[in-house]
Amino acid sequence: MQSSLMSMLPLVLMFVVLYFVMIRPQMKKQKEHRAMVEALAKGDEVVTSGGVLGKVSKLGDSYLGVEISNGVEVQIQRGAVVQVLPKGTIK
């Protein structure tokens, strides 16, 4: 009985290490991204996953209106926002 328990120990140990090294940090990163996307407000300056910079002009449930230039507005999915920039970054 003890030999089978000892043979399973490395497998269990590898799973525990994998959880703390890969899975847990990824879940934390997803949670932070979700909180950032939910906290978006009109007038925030954002960067999209495609590298487009713009200012949030309209808010919807799953889409945002982002003004990328004077009079040019595009609609993007909320999940495409990668980063919120400090105010005044885009001139």
PDB file of N, CA and C in Angstrom:
ATOM      1  N   MET A   1       0.830  -1.195   0.000  1.00  0.00           N
ATOM      2  CA  MET A   1       0.000   0.000   0.000  1.00  0.00           C
ATOM      3  C   MET A   1       0.870   1.252   0.000  1.00  0.00           C
ATOM      4  N   GLN A   2       1.936   1.221   0.751  1.00  0.00           N
ATOM      5  CA  GLN A   2       2.791   2.397   0.847  1.00  0.00           C
ATOM      6  C   GLN A   2       3.556   2.650  -0.452  1.00  0.00           C
ATOM      7  N   SER A   3       3.911   1.630  -1.180  1.00  0.00           N
ATOM      8  CA  SER A   3       4.650   1.819  -2.427  1.00  0.00           C
ATOM      9  C   SER A   3       3.771   2.489  -3.495  1.00  0.00           C
ATOM     10  N   SER A   4       2.495   2.153  -3.537  1.00  0.00           N
ATOM     11  CA  SER A   4       1.604   2.812  -4.503  1.00  0.00           C
ATOM     12  C   SER A   4       1.368   4.265  -4.108  1.00  0.00           C
ATOM     13  N   LEU A   5       1.333   4.543  -2.826  1.00  0.00           N
ATOM     14  CA  LEU A   5       1.179   5.915  -2.345  1.00  0.00           C
ATOM     15  C   LEU A   5       2.424   6.731  -2.671  1.00  0.00           C
ATOM     16  N   MET A   6       3.566   6.132  -2.541  1.00  0.00           N
ATOM     17  CA  MET A   6       4.820   6.823  -2.845  1.00  0.00           C
ATOM     18  C   MET A   6       4.973   7.049  -4.347  1.00  0.00           C
ATOM     19  N   SER A   7       4.422   6.170  -5.168  1.00  0.00           N
ATOM     20  CA  SER A   7       4.515   6.358  -6.616  1.00  0.00           C
ATOM     21  C   SER A   7       3.584   7.472  -7.086  1.00  0.00           C
ATOM     22  N   MET A   8       2.509   7.759  -6.362  1.00  0.00           N
ATOM     23  CA  MET A   8       1.575   8.825  -6.726  1.00  0.00           C
ATOM     24  C   MET A   8       2.039  10.193  -6.216  1.00  0.00           C
ATOM     25  N   LEU A   9       2.918  10.212  -5.246  1.00  0.00           N
ATOM     26  CA  LEU A   9       3.379  11.460  -4.635  1.00  0.00           C
ATOM     27  C   LEU A   9       4.020  12.419  -5.643  1.00  0.00           C
ATOM     28  N   PRO A  10       4.917  11.985  -6.543  1.00  0.00           N
ATOM     29  CA  PRO A  10       5.475  12.935  -7.512  1.00  0.00           C
ATOM     30  C   PRO A  10       4.420  13.544  -8.440  1.00  0.00           C
ATOM     31  N   LEU A  11       3.434  12.763  -8.831  1.00  0.00           N
ATOM     32  CA  LEU A  11       2.378  13.272  -9.696  1.00  0.00           C
ATOM     33  C   LEU A  11       1.556  14.347  -8.980  1.00  0.00           C
ATOM     34  N   VAL A  12       1.209  14.097  -7.751  1.00  0.00           N
ATOM     35  CA  VAL A  12       0.451  15.073  -6.957  1.00  0.00           C
ATOM     36  C   VAL A  12       1.285  16.319  -6.718  1.00  0.00           C
ATOM     37  N   LEU A  13       2.552  16.141  -6.423  1.00  0.00           N
ATOM     38  CA  LEU A  13       3.453  17.268  -6.187  1.00  0.00           C
ATOM     39  C   LEU A  13       3.596  18.116  -7.454  1.00  0.00           C
ATOM     40  N   MET A  14       3.686  17.493  -8.612  1.00  0.00           N
ATOM     41  CA  MET A  14       3.788  18.244  -9.866  1.00  0.00           C
ATOM     42  C   MET A  14       2.512  19.035 -10.128  1.00  0.00           C
ATOM     43  N   PHE A  15       1.349  18.479  -9.823  1.00  0.00           N
ATOM     44  CA  PHE A  15       0.094  19.203 -10.008  1.00  0.00           C
ATOM     45  C   PHE A  15       0.022  20.421  -9.093  1.00  0.00           C
ATOM     46  N   VAL A  16       0.463  20.266  -7.856  1.00  0.00           N
ATOM     47  CA  VAL A  16       0.438  21.392  -6.905  1.00  0.00           C
ATOM     48  C   VAL A  16       1.361  22.506  -7.384  1.00  0.00           C
ATOM     49  N   VAL A  17       2.546  22.150  -7.843  1.00  0.00           N
ATOM     50  CA  VAL A  17       3.483  23.156  -8.342  1.00  0.00           C
ATOM     51  C   VAL A  17       2.917  23.835  -9.587  1.00  0.00           C
ATOM     52  N   LEU A  18       2.327  23.067 -10.489  1.00  0.00           N
ATOM     53  CA  LEU A  18       1.717  23.625 -11.697  1.00  0.00           C
ATOM     54  C   LEU A  18       0.608  24.609 -11.341  1.00  0.00           C
ATOM     55  N   TYR A  19      -0.191  24.287 -10.352  1.00  0.00           N
ATOM     56  CA  TYR A  19      -1.277  25.173  -9.933  1.00  0.00           C
ATOM     57  C   TYR A  19      -0.724  26.515  -9.460  1.00  0.00           C
ATOM     58  N   PHE A  20       0.296  26.485  -8.592  1.00  0.00           N
ATOM     59  CA  PHE A  20       0.806  27.728  -8.022  1.00  0.00           C
ATOM     60  C   PHE A  20       1.684  28.514  -8.997  1.00  0.00           C
ATOM     61  N   VAL A  21       2.278  27.857  -9.977  1.00  0.00           N
ATOM     62  CA  VAL A  21       3.161  28.551 -10.907  1.00  0.00           C
ATOM     63  C   VAL A  21       2.412  29.069 -12.129  1.00  0.00           C
ATOM     64  N   MET A  22       1.410  28.331 -12.612  1.00  0.00           N
ATOM     65  CA  MET A  22       0.755  28.724 -13.863  1.00  0.00           C
ATOM     66  C   MET A  22      -0.720  29.083 -13.718  1.00  0.00           C
ATOM     67  N   ILE A  23      -1.499  28.249 -13.096  1.00  0.00           N
ATOM     68  CA  ILE A  23      -2.952  28.419 -13.094  1.00  0.00           C
ATOM     69  C   ILE A  23      -3.377  29.587 -12.213  1.00  0.00           C
ATOM     70  N   ARG A  24      -2.877  29.668 -11.006  1.00  0.00           N
ATOM     71  CA  ARG A  24      -3.298  30.715 -10.072  1.00  0.00           C
ATOM     72  C   ARG A  24      -2.950  32.124 -10.579  1.00  0.00           C
ATOM     73  N   PRO A  25      -1.719  32.384 -11.071  1.00  0.00           N
ATOM     74  CA  PRO A  25      -1.442  33.728 -11.598  1.00  0.00           C
ATOM     75  C   PRO A  25      -2.305  34.093 -12.807  1.00  0.00           C
ATOM     76  N   GLN A  26      -2.617  33.128 -13.660  1.00  0.00           N
ATOM     77  CA  GLN A  26      -3.460  33.405 -14.823  1.00  0.00           C
ATOM     78  C   GLN A  26      -4.874  33.782 -14.390  1.00  0.00           C
ATOM     79  N   MET A  27      -5.409  33.102 -13.394  1.00  0.00           N
ATOM     80  CA  MET A  27      -6.746  33.424 -12.887  1.00  0.00           C
ATOM     81  C   MET A  27      -6.752  34.827 -12.271  1.00  0.00           C
ATOM     82  N   LYS A  28      -5.682  35.189 -11.578  1.00  0.00           N
ATOM     83  CA  LYS A  28      -5.585  36.518 -10.969  1.00  0.00           C
ATOM     84  C   LYS A  28      -5.542  37.596 -12.051  1.00  0.00           C
ATOM     85  N   LYS A  29      -4.804  37.342 -13.132  1.00  0.00           N
ATOM     86  CA  LYS A  29      -4.700  38.289 -14.228  1.00  0.00           C
ATOM     87  C   LYS A  29      -6.056  38.477 -14.916  1.00  0.00           C
ATOM     88  N   GLN A  30      -6.800  37.383 -15.115  1.00  0.00           N
ATOM     89  CA  GLN A  30      -8.129  37.472 -15.725  1.00  0.00           C
ATOM     90  C   GLN A  30      -9.090  38.261 -14.851  1.00  0.00           C
ATOM     91  N   LYS A  31      -8.998  38.079 -13.557  1.00  0.00           N
ATOM     92  CA  LYS A  31      -9.871  38.795 -12.628  1.00  0.00           C
ATOM     93  C   LYS A  31      -9.579  40.300 -12.665  1.00  0.00           C
ATOM     94  N   GLU A  32      -8.293  40.678 -12.720  1.00  0.00           N
ATOM     95  CA  GLU A  32      -7.928  42.086 -12.793  1.00  0.00           C
ATOM     96  C   GLU A  32      -8.401  42.707 -14.106  1.00  0.00           C
ATOM     97  N   HIS A  33      -8.295  41.973 -15.224  1.00  0.00           N
ATOM     98  CA  HIS A  33      -8.740  42.483 -16.524  1.00  0.00           C
ATOM     99  C   HIS A  33     -10.250  42.682 -16.531  1.00  0.00           C
ATOM    100  N   ARG A  34     -10.979  41.727 -15.969  1.00  0.00           N
ATOM    101  CA  ARG A  34     -12.438  41.828 -15.903  1.00  0.00           C
ATOM    102  C   ARG A  34     -12.852  43.053 -15.089  1.00  0.00           C
ATOM    103  N   ALA A  35     -12.168  43.305 -13.967  1.00  0.00           N
ATOM    104  CA  ALA A  35     -12.487  44.464 -13.133  1.00  0.00           C
ATOM    105  C   ALA A  35     -12.181  45.768 -13.870  1.00  0.00           C
ATOM    106  N   MET A  36     -11.078  45.805 -14.641  1.00  0.00           N
ATOM    107  CA  MET A  36     -10.717  46.993 -15.395  1.00  0.00           C
ATOM    108  C   MET A  36     -11.763  47.286 -16.472  1.00  0.00           C
ATOM    109  N   VAL A  37     -12.213  46.253 -17.173  1.00  0.00           N
ATOM    110  CA  VAL A  37     -13.198  46.435 -18.245  1.00  0.00           C
ATOM    111  C   VAL A  37     -14.537  46.882 -17.671  1.00  0.00           C
ATOM    112  N   GLU A  38     -14.929  46.346 -16.535  1.00  0.00           N
ATOM    113  CA  GLU A  38     -16.201  46.743 -15.922  1.00  0.00           C
ATOM    114  C   GLU A  38     -16.167  48.169 -15.398  1.00  0.00           C
ATOM    115  N   ALA A  39     -14.972  48.672 -15.054  1.00  0.00           N
ATOM    116  CA  ALA A  39     -14.841  50.011 -14.487  1.00  0.00           C
ATOM    117  C   ALA A  39     -14.671  51.098 -15.545  1.00  0.00           C
ATOM    118  N   LEU A  40     -14.721  50.737 -16.831  1.00  0.00           N
ATOM    119  CA  LEU A  40     -14.564  51.745 -17.882  1.00  0.00           C
ATOM    120  C   LEU A  40     -15.680  52.776 -17.804  1.00  0.00           C
ATOM    121  N   ALA A  41     -15.311  54.021 -18.047  1.00  0.00           N
ATOM    122  CA  ALA A  41     -16.276  55.111 -18.011  1.00  0.00           C
ATOM    123  C   ALA A  41     -16.083  55.984 -19.249  1.00  0.00           C
ATOM    124  N   LYS A  42     -17.069  56.785 -19.537  1.00  0.00           N
ATOM    125  CA  LYS A  42     -17.010  57.694 -20.675  1.00  0.00           C
ATOM    126  C   LYS A  42     -15.867  58.688 -20.445  1.00  0.00           C
ATOM    127  N   GLY A  43     -15.039  58.872 -21.458  1.00  0.00           N
ATOM    128  CA  GLY A  43     -13.910  59.805 -21.356  1.00  0.00           C
ATOM    129  C   GLY A  43     -12.585  59.126 -21.031  1.00  0.00           C
ATOM    130  N   ASP A  44     -12.607  57.836 -20.684  1.00  0.00           N
ATOM    131  CA  ASP A  44     -11.364  57.106 -20.421  1.00  0.00           C
ATOM    132  C   ASP A  44     -10.594  56.923 -21.717  1.00  0.00           C
ATOM    133  N   GLU A  45      -9.284  57.013 -21.634  1.00  0.00           N
ATOM    134  CA  GLU A  45      -8.424  56.784 -22.786  1.00  0.00           C
ATOM    135  C   GLU A  45      -7.910  55.349 -22.709  1.00  0.00           C
ATOM    136  N   VAL A  46      -8.086  54.601 -23.800  1.00  0.00           N
ATOM    137  CA  VAL A  46      -7.804  53.167 -23.777  1.00  0.00           C
ATOM    138  C   VAL A  46      -6.917  52.751 -24.952  1.00  0.00           C
ATOM    139  N   VAL A  47      -6.301  51.583 -24.794  1.00  0.00           N
ATOM    140  CA  VAL A  47      -5.552  50.925 -25.860  1.00  0.00           C
ATOM    141  C   VAL A  47      -6.250  49.601 -26.119  1.00  0.00           C
ATOM    142  N   THR A  48      -6.497  49.288 -27.395  1.00  0.00           N
ATOM    143  CA  THR A  48      -7.159  48.031 -27.742  1.00  0.00           C
ATOM    144  C   THR A  48      -6.115  46.957 -28.023  1.00  0.00           C
ATOM    145  N   SER A  49      -6.582  45.728 -28.165  1.00  0.00           N
ATOM    146  CA  SER A  49      -5.668  44.620 -28.447  1.00  0.00           C
ATOM    147  C   SER A  49      -5.019  44.759 -29.816  1.00  0.00           C
ATOM    148  N   GLY A  50      -5.609  45.540 -30.707  1.00  0.00           N
ATOM    149  CA  GLY A  50      -5.028  45.788 -32.021  1.00  0.00           C
ATOM    150  C   GLY A  50      -4.052  46.943 -32.031  1.00  0.00           C
ATOM    151  N   GLY A  51      -3.899  47.618 -30.890  1.00  0.00           N
ATOM    152  CA  GLY A  51      -2.956  48.718 -30.794  1.00  0.00           C
ATOM    153  C   GLY A  51      -3.553  50.081 -31.077  1.00  0.00           C
ATOM    154  N   VAL A  52      -4.869  50.165 -31.202  1.00  0.00           N
ATOM    155  CA  VAL A  52      -5.537  51.433 -31.490  1.00  0.00           C
ATOM    156  C   VAL A  52      -5.755  52.186 -30.180  1.00  0.00           C
ATOM    157  N   LEU A  53      -5.370  53.470 -30.178  1.00  0.00           N
ATOM    158  CA  LEU A  53      -5.591  54.324 -29.017  1.00  0.00           C
ATOM    159  C   LEU A  53      -6.814  55.182 -29.271  1.00  0.00           C
ATOM    160  N   GLY A  54      -7.624  55.401 -28.244  1.00  0.00           N
ATOM    161  CA  GLY A  54      -8.804  56.226 -28.405  1.00  0.00           C
ATOM    162  C   GLY A  54      -9.444  56.562 -27.082  1.00  0.00           C
ATOM    163  N   LYS A  55     -10.481  57.371 -27.173  1.00  0.00           N
ATOM    164  CA  LYS A  55     -11.211  57.823 -25.986  1.00  0.00           C
ATOM    165  C   LYS A  55     -12.610  57.232 -26.020  1.00  0.00           C
ATOM    166  N   VAL A  56     -13.042  56.650 -24.908  1.00  0.00           N
ATOM    167  CA  VAL A  56     -14.365  56.035 -24.826  1.00  0.00           C
ATOM    168  C   VAL A  56     -15.419  57.128 -24.935  1.00  0.00           C
ATOM    169  N   SER A  57     -16.333  56.984 -25.922  1.00  0.00           N
ATOM    170  CA  SER A  57     -17.381  57.983 -26.113  1.00  0.00           C
ATOM    171  C   SER A  57     -18.773  57.427 -25.836  1.00  0.00           C
ATOM    172  N   LYS A  58     -18.942  56.111 -26.014  1.00  0.00           N
ATOM    173  CA  LYS A  58     -20.232  55.478 -25.740  1.00  0.00           C
ATOM    174  C   LYS A  58     -19.991  54.167 -25.013  1.00  0.00           C
ATOM    175  N   LEU A  59     -20.878  53.854 -24.081  1.00  0.00           N
ATOM    176  CA  LEU A  59     -20.788  52.599 -23.329  1.00  0.00           C
ATOM    177  C   LEU A  59     -22.013  51.744 -23.616  1.00  0.00           C
ATOM    178  N   GLY A  60     -21.780  50.476 -23.833  1.00  0.00           N
ATOM    179  CA  GLY A  60     -22.865  49.525 -24.016  1.00  0.00           C
ATOM    180  C   GLY A  60     -22.585  48.303 -23.148  1.00  0.00           C
ATOM    181  N   ASP A  61     -23.481  47.331 -23.231  1.00  0.00           N
ATOM    182  CA  ASP A  61     -23.282  46.126 -22.427  1.00  0.00           C
ATOM    183  C   ASP A  61     -22.057  45.333 -22.877  1.00  0.00           C
ATOM    184  N   SER A  62     -21.914  45.121 -24.154  1.00  0.00           N
ATOM    185  CA  SER A  62     -20.789  44.326 -24.639  1.00  0.00           C
ATOM    186  C   SER A  62     -19.908  45.080 -25.635  1.00  0.00           C
ATOM    187  N   TYR A  63     -20.308  46.291 -26.036  1.00  0.00           N
ATOM    188  CA  TYR A  63     -19.532  47.078 -26.993  1.00  0.00           C
ATOM    189  C   TYR A  63     -19.267  48.476 -26.447  1.00  0.00           C
ATOM    190  N   LEU A  64     -18.176  49.068 -26.933  1.00  0.00           N
ATOM    191  CA  LEU A  64     -17.818  50.440 -26.592  1.00  0.00           C
ATOM    192  C   LEU A  64     -17.702  51.246 -27.870  1.00  0.00           C
ATOM    193  N   GLY A  65     -18.051  52.511 -27.798  1.00  0.00           N
ATOM    194  CA  GLY A  65     -17.756  53.430 -28.886  1.00  0.00           C
ATOM    195  C   GLY A  65     -16.477  54.149 -28.522  1.00  0.00           C
ATOM    196  N   VAL A  66     -15.453  54.019 -29.360  1.00  0.00           N
ATOM    197  CA  VAL A  66     -14.153  54.636 -29.090  1.00  0.00           C
ATOM    198  C   VAL A  66     -13.857  55.640 -30.186  1.00  0.00           C
ATOM    199  N   GLU A  67     -13.617  56.883 -29.784  1.00  0.00           N
ATOM    200  CA  GLU A  67     -13.274  57.938 -30.736  1.00  0.00           C
ATOM    201  C   GLU A  67     -11.762  57.915 -30.932  1.00  0.00           C
ATOM    202  N   ILE A  68     -11.330  57.584 -32.163  1.00  0.00           N
ATOM    203  CA  ILE A  68      -9.903  57.469 -32.432  1.00  0.00           C
ATOM    204  C   ILE A  68      -9.327  58.732 -33.059  1.00  0.00           C
ATOM    205  N   SER A  69     -10.194  59.592 -33.562  1.00  0.00           N
ATOM    206  CA  SER A  69      -9.799  60.879 -34.124  1.00  0.00           C
ATOM    207  C   SER A  69     -11.031  61.774 -34.082  1.00  0.00           C
ATOM    208  N   ASN A  70     -10.865  63.051 -34.381  1.00  0.00           N
ATOM    209  CA  ASN A  70     -12.011  63.958 -34.380  1.00  0.00           C
ATOM    210  C   ASN A  70     -13.029  63.504 -35.408  1.00  0.00           C
ATOM    211  N   GLY A  71     -14.203  63.125 -34.954  1.00  0.00           N
ATOM    212  CA  GLY A  71     -15.281  62.713 -35.831  1.00  0.00           C
ATOM    213  C   GLY A  71     -15.206  61.271 -36.305  1.00  0.00           C
ATOM    214  N   VAL A  72     -14.205  60.519 -35.871  1.00  0.00           N
ATOM    215  CA  VAL A  72     -14.071  59.118 -36.276  1.00  0.00           C
ATOM    216  C   VAL A  72     -14.273  58.244 -35.050  1.00  0.00           C
ATOM    217  N   GLU A  73     -15.342  57.451 -35.095  1.00  0.00           N
ATOM    218  CA  GLU A  73     -15.668  56.597 -33.953  1.00  0.00           C
ATOM    219  C   GLU A  73     -15.810  55.152 -34.434  1.00  0.00           C
ATOM    220  N   VAL A  74     -15.221  54.233 -33.681  1.00  0.00           N
ATOM    221  CA  VAL A  74     -15.334  52.808 -34.000  1.00  0.00           C
ATOM    222  C   VAL A  74     -15.973  52.095 -32.815  1.00  0.00           C
ATOM    223  N   GLN A  75     -16.625  50.992 -33.113  1.00  0.00           N
ATOM    224  CA  GLN A  75     -17.183  50.165 -32.055  1.00  0.00           C
ATOM    225  C   GLN A  75     -16.277  48.974 -31.840  1.00  0.00           C
ATOM    226  N   ILE A  76     -15.972  48.682 -30.583  1.00  0.00           N
ATOM    227  CA  ILE A  76     -15.136  47.534 -30.246  1.00  0.00           C
ATOM    228  C   ILE A  76     -15.801  46.756 -29.120  1.00  0.00           C
ATOM    229  N   GLN A  77     -15.405  45.519 -28.978  1.00  0.00           N
ATOM    230  CA  GLN A  77     -15.889  44.717 -27.857  1.00  0.00           C
ATOM    231  C   GLN A  77     -15.162  45.151 -26.589  1.00  0.00           C
ATOM    232  N   ARG A  78     -15.848  45.040 -25.475  1.00  0.00           N
ATOM    233  CA  ARG A  78     -15.238  45.430 -24.199  1.00  0.00           C
ATOM    234  C   ARG A  78     -13.972  44.630 -23.908  1.00  0.00           C
ATOM    235  N   GLY A  79     -13.956  43.367 -24.272  1.00  0.00           N
ATOM    236  CA  GLY A  79     -12.807  42.514 -24.005  1.00  0.00           C
ATOM    237  C   GLY A  79     -11.572  42.881 -24.802  1.00  0.00           C
ATOM    238  N   ALA A  80     -11.730  43.708 -25.847  1.00  0.00           N
ATOM    239  CA  ALA A  80     -10.594  44.099 -26.672  1.00  0.00           C
ATOM    240  C   ALA A  80      -9.764  45.202 -26.027  1.00  0.00           C
ATOM    241  N   VAL A  81     -10.249  45.779 -24.941  1.00  0.00           N
ATOM    242  CA  VAL A  81      -9.486  46.817 -24.245  1.00  0.00           C
ATOM    243  C   VAL A  81      -8.391  46.137 -23.436  1.00  0.00           C
ATOM    244  N   VAL A  82      -7.164  46.559 -23.690  1.00  0.00           N
ATOM    245  CA  VAL A  82      -6.015  45.959 -23.026  1.00  0.00           C
ATOM    246  C   VAL A  82      -5.553  46.810 -21.855  1.00  0.00           C
ATOM    247  N   GLN A  83      -5.606  48.133 -22.023  1.00  0.00           N
ATOM    248  CA  GLN A  83      -5.059  49.017 -21.007  1.00  0.00           C
ATOM    249  C   GLN A  83      -5.845  50.318 -20.971  1.00  0.00           C
ATOM    250  N   VAL A  84      -5.982  50.879 -19.778  1.00  0.00           N
ATOM    251  CA  VAL A  84      -6.564  52.204 -19.608  1.00  0.00           C
ATOM    252  C   VAL A  84      -5.405  53.150 -19.342  1.00  0.00           C
ATOM    253  N   LEU A  85      -5.301  54.187 -20.172  1.00  0.00           N
ATOM    254  CA  LEU A  85      -4.200  55.141 -20.065  1.00  0.00           C
ATOM    255  C   LEU A  85      -4.552  56.268 -19.106  1.00  0.00           C
ATOM    256  N   PRO A  86      -3.535  56.923 -18.538  1.00  0.00           N
ATOM    257  CA  PRO A  86      -3.810  58.097 -17.696  1.00  0.00           C
ATOM    258  C   PRO A  86      -4.435  59.224 -18.540  1.00  0.00           C
ATOM    259  N   LYS A  87      -5.253  60.029 -17.911  1.00  0.00           N
ATOM    260  CA  LYS A  87      -5.934  61.137 -18.612  1.00  0.00           C
ATOM    261  C   LYS A  87      -4.886  62.080 -19.226  1.00  0.00           C
ATOM    262  N   GLY A  88      -5.143  62.533 -20.440  1.00  0.00           N
ATOM    263  CA  GLY A  88      -4.249  63.473 -21.121  1.00  0.00           C
ATOM    264  C   GLY A  88      -3.135  62.805 -21.902  1.00  0.00           C
ATOM    265  N   THR A  89      -3.119  61.497 -21.983  1.00  0.00           N
ATOM    266  CA  THR A  89      -2.068  60.802 -22.725  1.00  0.00           C
ATOM    267  C   THR A  89      -2.242  61.019 -24.220  1.00  0.00           C
ATOM    268  N   ILE A  90      -3.476  60.952 -24.697  1.00  0.00           N
ATOM    269  CA  ILE A  90      -3.785  61.143 -26.123  1.00  0.00           C
ATOM    270  C   ILE A  90      -4.049  62.620 -26.352  1.00  0.00           C
ATOM    271  N   LYS A  91      -3.360  63.188 -27.320  1.00  0.00           N
ATOM    272  CA  LYS A  91      -3.559  64.613 -27.595  1.00  0.00           C
ATOM    273  C   LYS A  91      -4.277  64.819 -28.881  1.00  0.00           C
TER     274      LYS A  91
END
